[in-house]
N, C-alpha and C. Protein backbone atom coordinates (compact mmCIF):
# COMPACT_ATOMS: atom_id res chain seq x y z
N MET A 1 104.74 98.61 84.06
CA MET A 1 103.79 97.63 84.58
C MET A 1 103.97 97.47 86.09
N GLU A 2 102.87 97.45 86.80
CA GLU A 2 102.94 97.28 88.24
C GLU A 2 103.36 95.87 88.60
N SER A 3 104.24 95.74 89.57
CA SER A 3 104.77 94.43 89.96
C SER A 3 103.93 93.80 91.05
N LYS A 4 103.71 92.49 90.94
CA LYS A 4 103.02 91.76 91.99
C LYS A 4 103.99 91.00 92.89
N VAL A 5 105.24 90.87 92.41
CA VAL A 5 106.29 90.22 93.19
C VAL A 5 107.56 91.04 93.07
N VAL A 6 108.22 91.30 94.19
CA VAL A 6 109.51 91.97 94.19
C VAL A 6 110.54 90.99 94.75
N SER A 7 111.53 90.67 93.94
CA SER A 7 112.62 89.79 94.37
C SER A 7 113.84 90.64 94.67
N ILE A 8 114.35 90.54 95.89
CA ILE A 8 115.51 91.33 96.29
C ILE A 8 116.67 90.41 96.63
N SER A 9 117.74 90.53 95.88
CA SER A 9 119.00 89.87 96.22
C SER A 9 119.89 90.89 96.91
N ARG A 10 120.79 90.41 97.76
CA ARG A 10 121.61 91.39 98.47
C ARG A 10 122.96 90.81 98.84
N SER A 11 123.94 91.71 98.93
CA SER A 11 125.26 91.36 99.44
C SER A 11 125.26 91.54 100.96
N LEU A 12 126.15 90.82 101.63
CA LEU A 12 126.25 90.92 103.08
C LEU A 12 126.56 92.36 103.49
N ALA A 13 125.77 92.87 104.47
CA ALA A 13 125.96 94.21 105.05
C ALA A 13 125.67 95.33 104.06
N ALA A 14 124.89 95.04 103.02
CA ALA A 14 124.48 96.10 102.10
C ALA A 14 123.16 96.73 102.51
N GLY A 15 122.48 96.13 103.50
CA GLY A 15 121.22 96.68 103.99
C GLY A 15 119.99 96.06 103.34
N GLY A 16 120.17 94.96 102.62
CA GLY A 16 119.07 94.37 101.88
C GLY A 16 117.91 93.89 102.72
N GLU A 17 118.21 93.35 103.90
CA GLU A 17 117.14 92.84 104.75
C GLU A 17 116.22 93.96 105.21
N GLU A 18 116.81 95.04 105.72
CA GLU A 18 116.00 96.18 106.19
C GLU A 18 115.24 96.80 105.03
N ILE A 19 115.90 96.94 103.90
CA ILE A 19 115.26 97.53 102.73
C ILE A 19 114.10 96.65 102.27
N GLY A 20 114.30 95.35 102.24
CA GLY A 20 113.23 94.44 101.82
C GLY A 20 112.00 94.53 102.70
N GLN A 21 112.23 94.58 104.00
CA GLN A 21 111.10 94.67 104.94
C GLN A 21 110.34 95.98 104.77
N LEU A 22 111.07 97.08 104.56
CA LEU A 22 110.43 98.39 104.41
C LEU A 22 109.70 98.50 103.06
N VAL A 23 110.27 97.89 102.02
CA VAL A 23 109.59 97.87 100.72
C VAL A 23 108.26 97.12 100.84
N ALA A 24 108.29 95.98 101.51
CA ALA A 24 107.06 95.20 101.70
C ALA A 24 106.01 96.00 102.47
N LYS A 25 106.45 96.71 103.51
CA LYS A 25 105.53 97.52 104.30
C LYS A 25 104.93 98.64 103.46
N GLU A 26 105.77 99.30 102.67
CA GLU A 26 105.32 100.41 101.85
C GLU A 26 104.33 99.96 100.78
N LEU A 27 104.57 98.79 100.20
CA LEU A 27 103.70 98.28 99.15
C LEU A 27 102.48 97.54 99.70
N GLY A 28 102.50 97.23 100.99
CA GLY A 28 101.43 96.42 101.57
C GLY A 28 101.55 94.96 101.17
N PHE A 29 102.77 94.51 100.89
CA PHE A 29 103.02 93.13 100.49
C PHE A 29 103.45 92.30 101.69
N GLY A 30 103.37 90.98 101.54
CA GLY A 30 103.99 90.09 102.50
C GLY A 30 105.50 90.10 102.30
N TYR A 31 106.22 89.64 103.31
CA TYR A 31 107.68 89.58 103.26
C TYR A 31 108.12 88.17 103.57
N VAL A 32 108.88 87.55 102.67
CA VAL A 32 109.27 86.15 102.85
C VAL A 32 110.78 86.01 102.70
N ASP A 33 111.41 85.47 103.72
CA ASP A 33 112.83 85.16 103.66
C ASP A 33 113.03 83.75 104.19
N ASP A 34 113.16 83.60 105.51
CA ASP A 34 113.36 82.29 106.09
C ASP A 34 112.14 81.38 105.92
N GLU A 35 110.98 81.96 105.59
CA GLU A 35 109.80 81.14 105.38
C GLU A 35 109.98 80.17 104.21
N ILE A 36 110.80 80.57 103.23
CA ILE A 36 111.07 79.67 102.11
C ILE A 36 111.77 78.42 102.60
N VAL A 37 112.75 78.60 103.46
CA VAL A 37 113.48 77.46 104.02
C VAL A 37 112.56 76.61 104.90
N THR A 38 111.71 77.28 105.69
CA THR A 38 110.80 76.55 106.56
C THR A 38 109.85 75.67 105.76
N LYS A 39 109.30 76.22 104.67
CA LYS A 39 108.38 75.44 103.86
C LYS A 39 109.09 74.30 103.15
N ALA A 40 110.30 74.56 102.66
CA ALA A 40 111.07 73.51 102.01
C ALA A 40 111.38 72.39 102.99
N SER A 41 111.66 72.74 104.24
CA SER A 41 111.95 71.72 105.24
C SER A 41 110.72 70.88 105.55
N ALA A 42 109.53 71.48 105.45
CA ALA A 42 108.30 70.72 105.67
C ALA A 42 108.13 69.67 104.58
N TYR A 43 108.42 70.04 103.33
CA TYR A 43 108.38 69.06 102.25
C TYR A 43 109.37 67.93 102.50
N ALA A 44 110.57 68.32 103.00
CA ALA A 44 111.65 67.35 103.12
C ALA A 44 111.60 66.54 104.41
N GLY A 45 110.87 67.01 105.39
CA GLY A 45 110.79 66.31 106.67
C GLY A 45 112.04 66.47 107.52
N VAL A 46 112.74 67.60 107.36
CA VAL A 46 113.93 67.87 108.16
C VAL A 46 113.83 69.28 108.72
N SER A 47 114.79 69.66 109.58
CA SER A 47 114.73 70.98 110.21
C SER A 47 115.07 72.08 109.22
N PRO A 48 114.57 73.30 109.45
CA PRO A 48 114.93 74.43 108.59
C PRO A 48 116.44 74.65 108.52
N GLU A 49 117.13 74.43 109.66
CA GLU A 49 118.58 74.62 109.67
C GLU A 49 119.26 73.65 108.72
N THR A 50 118.73 72.44 108.63
CA THR A 50 119.29 71.44 107.73
C THR A 50 119.13 71.87 106.28
N VAL A 51 117.94 72.33 105.92
CA VAL A 51 117.69 72.74 104.54
C VAL A 51 118.53 73.96 104.20
N ASP A 52 118.65 74.88 105.12
CA ASP A 52 119.38 76.12 104.86
C ASP A 52 120.85 75.87 104.54
N GLN A 53 121.40 74.79 105.10
CA GLN A 53 122.81 74.49 104.89
C GLN A 53 123.04 73.30 103.96
N VAL A 54 121.99 72.82 103.32
CA VAL A 54 122.07 71.55 102.61
C VAL A 54 123.07 71.55 101.47
N GLU A 55 123.28 72.68 100.83
CA GLU A 55 124.18 72.67 99.69
C GLU A 55 125.62 72.39 100.08
N HIS A 56 125.93 72.44 101.37
CA HIS A 56 127.30 72.20 101.81
C HIS A 56 127.57 70.73 102.11
N SER A 57 126.57 69.89 102.11
CA SER A 57 126.77 68.52 102.57
C SER A 57 125.96 67.53 101.75
N GLN A 58 126.65 66.56 101.16
CA GLN A 58 125.96 65.53 100.39
C GLN A 58 125.04 64.70 101.28
N SER A 59 125.45 64.39 102.51
CA SER A 59 124.61 63.57 103.38
C SER A 59 123.30 64.28 103.71
N LEU A 60 123.33 65.61 103.87
CA LEU A 60 122.11 66.35 104.15
C LEU A 60 121.21 66.38 102.93
N ILE A 61 121.80 66.48 101.74
CA ILE A 61 121.00 66.40 100.52
C ILE A 61 120.29 65.06 100.46
N ASP A 62 121.00 63.99 100.80
CA ASP A 62 120.39 62.66 100.78
C ASP A 62 119.20 62.59 101.74
N ARG A 63 119.33 63.21 102.92
CA ARG A 63 118.23 63.19 103.89
C ARG A 63 117.01 63.90 103.34
N ILE A 64 117.24 65.01 102.64
CA ILE A 64 116.12 65.74 102.05
C ILE A 64 115.45 64.90 100.98
N LEU A 65 116.24 64.24 100.15
CA LEU A 65 115.68 63.41 99.09
C LEU A 65 114.85 62.27 99.67
N GLU A 66 115.34 61.67 100.73
CA GLU A 66 114.60 60.60 101.39
C GLU A 66 113.28 61.12 101.94
N GLY A 67 113.32 62.31 102.54
CA GLY A 67 112.09 62.89 103.07
C GLY A 67 111.10 63.21 101.98
N MET A 68 111.60 63.70 100.85
CA MET A 68 110.75 64.00 99.72
C MET A 68 110.06 62.73 99.22
N ALA A 69 110.82 61.65 99.10
CA ALA A 69 110.28 60.41 98.57
C ALA A 69 109.26 59.81 99.54
N ALA A 70 109.55 59.89 100.84
CA ALA A 70 108.67 59.29 101.84
C ALA A 70 107.36 60.05 102.00
N SER A 71 107.42 61.39 101.87
CA SER A 71 106.23 62.20 102.11
C SER A 71 105.25 62.15 100.96
N GLY A 72 105.77 61.95 99.75
CA GLY A 72 104.91 61.96 98.57
C GLY A 72 104.40 63.35 98.24
N GLU A 73 104.89 64.38 98.95
CA GLU A 73 104.43 65.75 98.74
C GLU A 73 105.06 66.37 97.51
N PHE A 74 106.22 65.84 97.13
CA PHE A 74 106.97 66.47 96.05
C PHE A 74 107.25 65.44 94.97
N ALA A 75 106.87 65.75 93.75
CA ALA A 75 107.13 64.85 92.64
C ALA A 75 108.46 65.21 92.00
N PRO A 76 109.52 64.39 92.15
CA PRO A 76 110.82 64.71 91.57
C PRO A 76 110.77 64.71 90.05
N THR A 77 111.87 65.13 89.46
CA THR A 77 111.96 65.14 88.01
C THR A 77 111.89 63.72 87.47
N VAL A 78 111.58 63.58 86.18
CA VAL A 78 111.40 62.28 85.57
C VAL A 78 112.65 61.42 85.77
N GLY A 79 112.44 60.20 86.24
CA GLY A 79 113.54 59.29 86.43
C GLY A 79 114.22 59.41 87.78
N ALA A 80 113.79 60.39 88.60
CA ALA A 80 114.48 60.63 89.86
C ALA A 80 114.30 59.47 90.84
N ALA A 81 113.12 58.87 90.85
CA ALA A 81 112.87 57.79 91.81
C ALA A 81 113.83 56.62 91.58
N SER A 82 114.02 56.25 90.32
CA SER A 82 114.93 55.15 90.03
C SER A 82 116.37 55.54 90.33
N LEU A 83 116.70 56.81 90.11
CA LEU A 83 118.05 57.28 90.39
C LEU A 83 118.34 57.20 91.88
N MET A 84 117.35 57.61 92.70
CA MET A 84 117.56 57.61 94.15
C MET A 84 117.73 56.20 94.69
N ALA A 85 117.23 55.21 93.96
CA ALA A 85 117.29 53.83 94.43
C ALA A 85 118.63 53.17 94.10
N THR A 86 119.50 53.84 93.36
CA THR A 86 120.75 53.24 92.93
C THR A 86 121.93 53.86 93.65
N PRO A 87 123.00 53.08 93.88
CA PRO A 87 124.19 53.62 94.54
C PRO A 87 124.89 54.68 93.70
N ALA A 88 124.58 54.73 92.41
CA ALA A 88 125.27 55.64 91.51
C ALA A 88 124.64 57.03 91.50
N PHE A 89 123.70 57.29 92.40
CA PHE A 89 123.04 58.60 92.47
C PHE A 89 124.09 59.65 92.83
N THR A 90 124.37 60.57 91.92
CA THR A 90 125.51 61.47 92.07
C THR A 90 125.15 62.75 92.80
N GLN A 91 126.21 63.48 93.20
CA GLN A 91 125.99 64.77 93.86
C GLN A 91 125.29 65.73 92.92
N SER A 92 125.64 65.68 91.64
CA SER A 92 125.00 66.55 90.66
C SER A 92 123.50 66.27 90.57
N GLN A 93 123.12 65.00 90.57
CA GLN A 93 121.71 64.64 90.50
C GLN A 93 120.99 65.05 91.78
N SER A 94 121.66 64.89 92.93
CA SER A 94 121.08 65.33 94.19
C SER A 94 120.85 66.83 94.18
N ARG A 95 121.84 67.55 93.68
CA ARG A 95 121.72 69.01 93.60
C ARG A 95 120.53 69.41 92.74
N ASP A 96 120.36 68.72 91.62
CA ASP A 96 119.26 69.05 90.71
C ASP A 96 117.91 68.86 91.39
N LEU A 97 117.77 67.79 92.17
CA LEU A 97 116.50 67.55 92.86
C LEU A 97 116.28 68.55 93.98
N TYR A 98 117.34 68.89 94.71
CA TYR A 98 117.21 69.90 95.75
C TYR A 98 116.83 71.25 95.14
N GLN A 99 117.46 71.56 94.01
CA GLN A 99 117.13 72.81 93.32
C GLN A 99 115.66 72.81 92.92
N SER A 100 115.16 71.68 92.44
CA SER A 100 113.75 71.60 92.05
C SER A 100 112.83 71.83 93.24
N LEU A 101 113.22 71.31 94.39
CA LEU A 101 112.43 71.50 95.61
C LEU A 101 112.36 72.97 95.98
N ILE A 102 113.52 73.63 96.04
CA ILE A 102 113.56 75.04 96.40
C ILE A 102 112.79 75.88 95.38
N GLN A 103 112.96 75.57 94.09
CA GLN A 103 112.27 76.34 93.06
C GLN A 103 110.76 76.17 93.15
N ARG A 104 110.31 74.96 93.52
CA ARG A 104 108.87 74.76 93.68
C ARG A 104 108.32 75.65 94.79
N VAL A 105 109.03 75.69 95.90
CA VAL A 105 108.57 76.52 97.02
C VAL A 105 108.57 78.00 96.62
N ILE A 106 109.64 78.44 95.94
CA ILE A 106 109.71 79.83 95.50
C ILE A 106 108.55 80.16 94.58
N ARG A 107 108.26 79.27 93.62
CA ARG A 107 107.17 79.52 92.68
C ARG A 107 105.82 79.58 93.38
N GLU A 108 105.60 78.68 94.33
CA GLU A 108 104.32 78.67 95.06
C GLU A 108 104.10 79.99 95.79
N VAL A 109 105.16 80.47 96.45
CA VAL A 109 105.05 81.72 97.19
C VAL A 109 104.82 82.89 96.23
N ALA A 110 105.58 82.89 95.11
CA ALA A 110 105.48 83.99 94.15
C ALA A 110 104.13 84.01 93.45
N GLU A 111 103.61 82.83 93.10
CA GLU A 111 102.35 82.78 92.37
C GLU A 111 101.18 83.33 93.18
N ALA A 112 101.32 83.31 94.50
CA ALA A 112 100.28 83.90 95.35
C ALA A 112 100.26 85.43 95.20
N GLY A 113 101.40 86.01 94.81
CA GLY A 113 101.49 87.44 94.54
C GLY A 113 101.55 88.30 95.78
N GLN A 114 101.74 89.59 95.56
CA GLN A 114 101.77 90.58 96.65
C GLN A 114 102.82 90.21 97.69
N VAL A 115 104.04 89.97 97.24
CA VAL A 115 105.07 89.51 98.16
C VAL A 115 106.43 90.05 97.76
N VAL A 116 107.27 90.31 98.77
CA VAL A 116 108.67 90.63 98.59
C VAL A 116 109.47 89.41 99.02
N LEU A 117 110.28 88.90 98.11
CA LEU A 117 111.08 87.70 98.35
C LEU A 117 112.54 88.07 98.49
N LEU A 118 113.20 87.50 99.47
CA LEU A 118 114.62 87.75 99.67
C LEU A 118 115.39 86.44 99.56
N ALA A 119 116.50 86.47 98.77
CA ALA A 119 117.49 85.39 98.75
C ALA A 119 117.03 84.14 98.02
N HIS A 120 117.86 83.08 98.16
CA HIS A 120 117.64 81.77 97.52
C HIS A 120 117.54 81.85 96.00
N GLY A 121 118.25 82.81 95.41
CA GLY A 121 118.30 82.89 93.96
C GLY A 121 116.97 83.13 93.31
N THR A 122 116.07 83.83 94.01
CA THR A 122 114.72 84.02 93.46
C THR A 122 114.73 84.79 92.16
N SER A 123 115.68 85.71 91.99
CA SER A 123 115.75 86.47 90.75
C SER A 123 116.05 85.58 89.56
N VAL A 124 116.80 84.50 89.81
CA VAL A 124 117.12 83.55 88.75
C VAL A 124 115.97 82.57 88.56
N ALA A 125 115.46 82.05 89.66
CA ALA A 125 114.40 81.04 89.59
C ALA A 125 113.13 81.58 88.95
N LEU A 126 112.86 82.87 89.13
CA LEU A 126 111.62 83.46 88.63
C LEU A 126 111.84 84.41 87.45
N ALA A 127 112.98 84.29 86.79
CA ALA A 127 113.41 85.27 85.79
C ALA A 127 112.36 85.59 84.74
N ASN A 128 111.59 84.61 84.30
CA ASN A 128 110.63 84.81 83.21
C ASN A 128 109.20 85.07 83.69
N MET A 129 109.04 85.28 85.00
CA MET A 129 107.72 85.47 85.56
C MET A 129 107.16 86.86 85.23
N SER A 130 105.93 86.91 84.82
CA SER A 130 105.27 88.19 84.54
C SER A 130 104.97 88.91 85.86
N GLY A 131 105.15 90.23 85.86
CA GLY A 131 104.84 91.00 87.06
C GLY A 131 105.90 90.94 88.13
N LEU A 132 107.12 90.56 87.74
CA LEU A 132 108.23 90.43 88.69
C LEU A 132 109.20 91.59 88.54
N LEU A 133 109.59 92.20 89.65
CA LEU A 133 110.68 93.17 89.68
C LEU A 133 111.86 92.55 90.40
N ARG A 134 113.01 92.50 89.72
CA ARG A 134 114.21 91.90 90.29
C ARG A 134 115.18 93.02 90.68
N ALA A 135 115.49 93.11 91.97
CA ALA A 135 116.38 94.16 92.46
C ALA A 135 117.59 93.55 93.16
N LEU A 136 118.72 94.18 92.97
CA LEU A 136 119.94 93.80 93.69
C LEU A 136 120.35 94.95 94.59
N VAL A 137 120.51 94.67 95.88
CA VAL A 137 120.98 95.68 96.84
C VAL A 137 122.42 95.33 97.18
N THR A 138 123.33 96.25 96.87
CA THR A 138 124.75 95.96 97.07
C THR A 138 125.48 97.22 97.49
N ALA A 139 126.77 97.07 97.78
CA ALA A 139 127.64 98.20 98.13
C ALA A 139 129.07 97.70 97.98
N SER A 140 130.02 98.60 98.04
CA SER A 140 131.42 98.22 97.89
C SER A 140 131.88 97.38 99.07
N PRO A 141 132.85 96.50 98.87
CA PRO A 141 133.37 95.68 99.97
C PRO A 141 133.86 96.51 101.15
N GLU A 142 134.49 97.65 100.86
CA GLU A 142 135.03 98.49 101.93
C GLU A 142 133.93 99.05 102.81
N VAL A 143 132.88 99.55 102.19
CA VAL A 143 131.76 100.11 102.95
C VAL A 143 131.04 99.01 103.73
N ARG A 144 130.86 97.87 103.12
CA ARG A 144 130.17 96.77 103.81
C ARG A 144 130.97 96.26 104.99
N ALA A 145 132.29 96.18 104.84
CA ALA A 145 133.14 95.75 105.96
C ALA A 145 133.07 96.75 107.11
N GLU A 146 133.08 98.04 106.78
CA GLU A 146 132.96 99.07 107.81
C GLU A 146 131.64 98.96 108.56
N ARG A 147 130.57 98.71 107.82
CA ARG A 147 129.27 98.55 108.46
C ARG A 147 129.24 97.32 109.37
N LEU A 148 129.89 96.27 108.91
CA LEU A 148 129.87 95.01 109.66
C LEU A 148 130.54 95.18 111.02
N THR A 149 131.59 95.98 111.08
CA THR A 149 132.25 96.21 112.37
C THR A 149 131.34 96.97 113.33
N GLY A 150 130.37 97.70 112.77
CA GLY A 150 129.46 98.46 113.61
C GLY A 150 128.28 97.67 114.11
N ILE A 151 127.96 96.54 113.44
CA ILE A 151 126.78 95.77 113.84
C ILE A 151 127.14 94.39 114.39
N ALA A 152 128.42 94.03 114.31
CA ALA A 152 128.84 92.72 114.81
C ALA A 152 130.11 92.90 115.64
N ASP A 153 130.37 91.94 116.52
CA ASP A 153 131.53 92.01 117.40
C ASP A 153 132.77 91.49 116.67
N VAL A 154 133.19 92.24 115.64
CA VAL A 154 134.35 91.84 114.85
C VAL A 154 135.23 93.05 114.60
N ASP A 155 136.54 92.79 114.40
CA ASP A 155 137.44 93.89 114.05
C ASP A 155 137.49 94.05 112.54
N GLU A 156 138.28 95.00 112.07
CA GLU A 156 138.32 95.32 110.64
C GLU A 156 138.79 94.12 109.81
N ARG A 157 139.81 93.42 110.29
CA ARG A 157 140.32 92.26 109.55
C ARG A 157 139.26 91.18 109.44
N GLN A 158 138.58 90.89 110.54
CA GLN A 158 137.54 89.87 110.53
C GLN A 158 136.37 90.27 109.63
N ALA A 159 136.04 91.56 109.66
CA ALA A 159 134.93 92.04 108.83
C ALA A 159 135.25 91.89 107.34
N LYS A 160 136.47 92.25 106.95
CA LYS A 160 136.87 92.13 105.55
C LYS A 160 136.84 90.67 105.11
N LYS A 161 137.30 89.78 105.98
CA LYS A 161 137.28 88.35 105.65
C LYS A 161 135.86 87.84 105.53
N ALA A 162 134.98 88.29 106.42
CA ALA A 162 133.58 87.86 106.37
C ALA A 162 132.92 88.29 105.06
N ILE A 163 133.23 89.50 104.62
CA ILE A 163 132.68 89.99 103.35
C ILE A 163 133.21 89.16 102.19
N GLN A 164 134.50 88.91 102.17
CA GLN A 164 135.11 88.10 101.10
C GLN A 164 134.52 86.69 101.08
N ASP A 165 134.39 86.08 102.26
CA ASP A 165 133.83 84.73 102.34
C ASP A 165 132.39 84.70 101.85
N SER A 166 131.62 85.70 102.24
CA SER A 166 130.22 85.76 101.84
C SER A 166 130.08 85.94 100.34
N ASP A 167 130.88 86.82 99.77
CA ASP A 167 130.82 87.05 98.32
C ASP A 167 131.23 85.79 97.55
N ARG A 168 132.24 85.10 98.04
CA ARG A 168 132.68 83.87 97.38
C ARG A 168 131.61 82.79 97.46
N GLU A 169 130.99 82.65 98.62
CA GLU A 169 129.94 81.65 98.78
C GLU A 169 128.73 81.99 97.92
N ARG A 170 128.45 83.27 97.77
CA ARG A 170 127.35 83.70 96.91
C ARG A 170 127.61 83.25 95.47
N GLN A 171 128.83 83.47 94.99
CA GLN A 171 129.18 83.05 93.64
C GLN A 171 129.08 81.54 93.50
N ASN A 172 129.58 80.83 94.52
CA ASN A 172 129.53 79.36 94.48
C ASN A 172 128.09 78.86 94.47
N TYR A 173 127.22 79.52 95.22
CA TYR A 173 125.82 79.11 95.28
C TYR A 173 125.15 79.23 93.92
N PHE A 174 125.35 80.36 93.27
CA PHE A 174 124.77 80.55 91.93
C PHE A 174 125.33 79.53 90.94
N ARG A 175 126.60 79.21 91.07
CA ARG A 175 127.20 78.25 90.15
C ARG A 175 126.66 76.85 90.41
N ARG A 176 126.56 76.46 91.69
CA ARG A 176 126.08 75.11 92.04
C ARG A 176 124.61 74.93 91.70
N MET A 177 123.80 75.91 92.10
CA MET A 177 122.35 75.74 92.02
C MET A 177 121.76 76.12 90.68
N TYR A 178 122.38 77.06 89.97
CA TYR A 178 121.78 77.57 88.73
C TYR A 178 122.74 77.55 87.54
N ASN A 179 123.91 76.94 87.75
CA ASN A 179 124.91 76.86 86.68
C ASN A 179 125.22 78.25 86.12
N LEU A 180 125.20 79.24 87.00
CA LEU A 180 125.45 80.63 86.63
C LEU A 180 126.87 80.97 87.05
N ARG A 181 127.76 81.09 86.08
CA ARG A 181 129.18 81.26 86.39
C ARG A 181 129.51 82.68 86.83
N GLN A 182 128.74 83.65 86.38
CA GLN A 182 129.00 85.03 86.77
C GLN A 182 127.69 85.79 86.92
N GLU A 183 127.50 86.36 88.09
CA GLU A 183 126.32 87.20 88.33
C GLU A 183 126.54 88.56 87.68
N LEU A 184 125.58 88.99 86.87
CA LEU A 184 125.72 90.23 86.11
C LEU A 184 124.62 91.23 86.49
N PRO A 185 124.86 92.52 86.32
CA PRO A 185 123.80 93.51 86.56
C PRO A 185 122.56 93.25 85.71
N THR A 186 122.76 92.66 84.52
CA THR A 186 121.63 92.40 83.62
C THR A 186 120.74 91.26 84.10
N HIS A 187 121.14 90.58 85.17
CA HIS A 187 120.25 89.58 85.78
C HIS A 187 119.18 90.26 86.63
N TYR A 188 119.27 91.58 86.76
CA TYR A 188 118.35 92.34 87.59
C TYR A 188 117.75 93.49 86.79
N ASP A 189 116.59 93.94 87.21
CA ASP A 189 115.94 95.09 86.59
C ASP A 189 116.42 96.39 87.22
N LEU A 190 116.92 96.27 88.44
CA LEU A 190 117.31 97.44 89.22
C LEU A 190 118.46 97.08 90.14
N VAL A 191 119.55 97.84 90.09
CA VAL A 191 120.69 97.65 90.98
C VAL A 191 120.79 98.87 91.88
N VAL A 192 120.72 98.66 93.19
CA VAL A 192 120.73 99.75 94.16
C VAL A 192 122.04 99.69 94.94
N ASN A 193 122.82 100.77 94.84
CA ASN A 193 124.12 100.86 95.52
C ASN A 193 123.95 101.69 96.79
N THR A 194 124.09 101.03 97.94
CA THR A 194 123.88 101.74 99.20
C THR A 194 125.16 102.39 99.74
N ASP A 195 126.20 102.46 98.90
CA ASP A 195 127.36 103.30 99.26
C ASP A 195 126.90 104.74 99.43
N ARG A 196 126.04 105.17 98.54
CA ARG A 196 125.59 106.55 98.53
C ARG A 196 124.13 106.70 98.94
N LEU A 197 123.30 105.78 98.50
CA LEU A 197 121.87 105.87 98.82
C LEU A 197 121.62 105.43 100.26
N THR A 198 120.82 106.18 100.98
CA THR A 198 120.41 105.78 102.31
C THR A 198 119.33 104.69 102.19
N VAL A 199 119.03 104.05 103.30
CA VAL A 199 117.98 103.03 103.28
C VAL A 199 116.65 103.60 102.81
N PRO A 200 116.18 104.76 103.35
CA PRO A 200 114.90 105.32 102.85
C PRO A 200 114.94 105.64 101.36
N GLU A 201 116.09 106.14 100.87
CA GLU A 201 116.20 106.45 99.45
C GLU A 201 116.14 105.17 98.60
N ALA A 202 116.81 104.13 99.07
CA ALA A 202 116.80 102.85 98.35
C ALA A 202 115.39 102.27 98.32
N VAL A 203 114.70 102.36 99.44
CA VAL A 203 113.32 101.88 99.51
C VAL A 203 112.44 102.62 98.52
N LYS A 204 112.59 103.93 98.46
CA LYS A 204 111.77 104.75 97.56
C LYS A 204 112.01 104.37 96.11
N VAL A 205 113.27 104.15 95.73
CA VAL A 205 113.61 103.77 94.36
C VAL A 205 112.92 102.46 93.97
N ILE A 206 113.01 101.47 94.85
CA ILE A 206 112.43 100.16 94.56
C ILE A 206 110.89 100.24 94.52
N VAL A 207 110.31 100.98 95.46
CA VAL A 207 108.86 101.11 95.50
C VAL A 207 108.33 101.79 94.24
N VAL A 208 108.99 102.86 93.81
CA VAL A 208 108.58 103.56 92.60
C VAL A 208 108.65 102.61 91.40
N ALA A 209 109.73 101.84 91.30
CA ALA A 209 109.86 100.89 90.19
C ALA A 209 108.79 99.81 90.26
N ALA A 210 108.48 99.34 91.46
CA ALA A 210 107.48 98.28 91.62
C ALA A 210 106.08 98.77 91.25
N ARG A 211 105.82 100.03 91.48
CA ARG A 211 104.50 100.59 91.15
C ARG A 211 104.37 100.99 89.68
N GLY A 212 105.46 100.84 88.94
CA GLY A 212 105.42 101.10 87.51
C GLY A 212 105.38 102.56 87.18
């Protein structure tokens, strides 16, 4: 079946960003990455930088919730309004509302179709969507660290630490936002390993799969 939405998840320095942009160009689709954060920030009435980092700070989550309530643009889950009005509003409840906000934006973008989506757990958020191709672009930590030293002003030790930190934060994000304790290959329709595949080869694989 031909895909109307391609969701690409990626590990740091695996080449996912470049691959995603080229897949979108080849398919004639739109490409959305930071636009998801920008649109979410418009709902929340805060800066994109704030929304992008919100999962790290309870106070920033509170600001987003306040913006959501004040704008009237976003209808929280049942009972959320009364919860927000009480001092007992927990971090877990805040997380759930923030997750709902991000998922709403992801769904709106995806439902328009003809788009390549990168990041923000789109493969999880849209898992049951018809016409969706879920791809993971990854590579071994050693290869990714080597690449990072070539594109950033870091030495080998710093690059390895950056890869480890990124992978750990990725796991934490899935656990916090989607209660997903372990990311598995079966969460994706296609896993692309750029240890061996070049960017053009990876693009071709994803495009062929998207075209059915």
